[in-house]
Amino acid sequence: QVQFVESGGGLVQPGGSLRLSCTANGSIFSGYVMGWYRQAPGMERELLARIFNGATTAYADSVKGRFTASKDNAKNTVYLQMNSLKAEDTAVYYCNTYPPRPRLFSWGQGTQVTVSS
């Protein structure tokens, strides 16, 4: 079963930026719609962005205009560039296929993003 590995999180001040990366132990990104998700404490996991085949993207209203998702099939990596970060962006961030396919792909550990002054 393929598992995702997210990285790039950390502590950042409001208004700052981070770039998250996600890789997988298998060449899958070119064949599936990929998604970036996040889960804040006590909240449901939230879909933030989708990366379609052909690199078209779509975003949740909460991050539109601030976050940019992309992928590099040659590097088997998807990215999430996050700008103008707000305290409410604090969460654990994950990538997975969209929709998730739990029989094929496991959720990774995620990467913690904390936005605080």
Protein backbone atom coordinates (compact mmCIF):
# COMPACT_ATOMS: atom_id res chain seq x y z
CA GLN A 1 0.00 0.00 0.00
CA VAL A 2 1.32 3.41 -0.95
CA GLN A 3 1.87 5.89 1.87
CA PHE A 4 2.39 9.61 1.57
CA VAL A 5 5.14 11.55 3.35
CA GLU A 6 4.55 15.23 4.02
CA SER A 7 7.21 17.75 5.03
CA GLY A 8 7.90 21.44 5.26
CA GLY A 9 5.71 22.45 8.16
CA GLY A 10 6.80 24.56 11.08
CA LEU A 11 6.14 27.62 13.17
CA VAL A 12 5.56 30.83 11.27
CA GLN A 13 4.29 34.27 12.17
CA PRO A 14 0.99 35.59 10.83
CA GLY A 15 1.51 36.88 7.31
CA GLY A 16 4.38 34.51 6.70
CA SER A 17 4.84 31.75 4.15
CA LEU A 18 5.64 28.06 4.06
CA ARG A 19 6.03 25.53 1.29
CA LEU A 20 4.88 22.01 1.97
CA SER A 21 6.00 18.96 0.02
CA CYS A 22 4.51 15.51 -0.31
CA THR A 23 6.09 12.43 -1.81
CA ALA A 24 5.02 8.81 -2.09
CA ASN A 25 6.76 5.48 -2.34
CA GLY A 26 5.36 4.92 -5.79
CA SER A 27 4.89 6.82 -9.02
CA ILE A 28 1.25 7.75 -8.66
CA PHE A 29 0.92 11.48 -8.97
CA SER A 30 0.56 11.50 -12.73
CA GLY A 31 -2.37 9.11 -12.63
CA TYR A 32 -4.60 10.54 -9.91
CA VAL A 33 -6.17 13.78 -8.89
CA MET A 34 -4.22 14.83 -5.82
CA GLY A 35 -5.50 16.78 -2.88
CA TRP A 36 -4.12 18.76 0.02
CA TYR A 37 -6.04 18.47 3.26
CA ARG A 38 -5.70 19.75 6.80
CA GLN A 39 -7.06 18.89 10.20
CA ALA A 40 -7.15 21.28 13.10
CA PRO A 41 -7.60 20.03 16.68
CA GLY A 42 -11.18 18.96 17.30
CA MET A 43 -12.15 19.56 13.67
CA GLU A 44 -12.95 17.36 10.69
CA ARG A 45 -10.31 16.90 8.02
CA GLU A 46 -10.79 19.63 5.42
CA LEU A 47 -10.05 19.53 1.70
CA LEU A 48 -8.02 22.58 0.71
CA ALA A 49 -6.87 22.07 -2.84
CA ARG A 50 -7.11 19.67 -5.74
CA ILE A 51 -4.55 19.18 -8.50
CA PHE A 52 -6.09 17.65 -11.60
CA ASN A 53 -4.30 15.82 -14.37
CA GLY A 54 -3.00 18.57 -16.61
CA ALA A 55 -2.14 20.60 -13.48
CA THR A 56 -5.43 22.49 -13.24
CA THR A 57 -6.15 23.37 -9.64
CA ALA A 58 -9.15 24.17 -7.47
CA TYR A 59 -9.22 25.61 -3.96
CA ALA A 60 -11.44 25.90 -0.95
CA ASP A 61 -12.68 29.42 -0.32
CA SER A 62 -10.73 29.53 2.94
CA VAL A 63 -7.39 29.40 1.10
CA LYS A 64 -8.17 30.73 -2.36
CA GLY A 65 -5.77 33.47 -3.37
CA ARG A 66 -3.30 32.56 -0.61
CA PHE A 67 -2.36 28.93 -1.29
CA THR A 68 -1.04 27.44 -4.52
CA ALA A 69 -0.88 23.72 -5.17
CA SER A 70 1.37 22.17 -7.80
CA LYS A 71 3.00 18.89 -8.72
CA ASP A 72 6.17 17.65 -10.31
CA ASN A 73 5.54 14.24 -11.82
CA ALA A 74 9.23 13.70 -12.56
CA LYS A 75 10.05 14.18 -8.88
CA ASN A 76 6.93 12.33 -7.73
CA THR A 77 6.13 15.28 -5.50
CA VAL A 78 3.23 17.62 -4.89
CA TYR A 79 3.63 21.03 -3.26
CA LEU A 80 1.53 23.52 -1.38
CA GLN A 81 2.82 27.07 -1.32
CA MET A 82 1.12 28.90 1.52
CA ASN A 83 1.28 32.68 1.73
CA SER A 84 -0.36 35.25 3.99
CA LEU A 85 -0.76 32.66 6.69
CA LYS A 86 -3.29 33.24 9.45
CA ALA A 87 -3.67 31.80 12.93
CA GLU A 88 -6.66 29.81 11.70
CA ASP A 89 -4.40 27.99 9.24
CA THR A 90 -2.84 26.18 12.18
CA ALA A 91 -3.38 22.46 11.58
CA VAL A 92 -1.75 19.24 10.49
CA TYR A 93 -1.50 19.18 6.71
CA TYR A 94 -1.78 16.07 4.57
CA CYS A 95 -1.78 15.09 0.94
CA ASN A 96 -3.73 12.20 -0.54
CA THR A 97 -5.57 11.34 -3.68
CA TYR A 98 -8.91 13.03 -4.31
CA PRO A 99 -11.06 11.39 -3.31
CA PRO A 100 -9.06 9.33 -0.83
CA ARG A 101 -8.75 5.64 -1.72
CA PRO A 102 -8.03 3.92 1.58
CA ARG A 103 -7.67 0.49 -0.01
CA LEU A 104 -4.79 1.76 -2.14
CA PHE A 105 -3.25 4.72 -0.32
CA SER A 106 -2.58 5.31 3.36
CA TRP A 107 -2.67 8.69 5.01
CA GLY A 108 0.77 9.87 6.04
CA GLN A 109 1.73 11.40 9.35
CA GLY A 110 1.12 14.89 8.04
CA THR A 111 3.17 17.97 8.77
CA GLN A 112 2.30 20.42 11.51
CA VAL A 113 1.82 24.06 10.59
CA THR A 114 1.54 26.51 13.45
CA VAL A 115 0.85 30.17 12.78
CA SER A 116 1.50 32.27 15.83
CA SER A 117 3.27 35.42 16.90
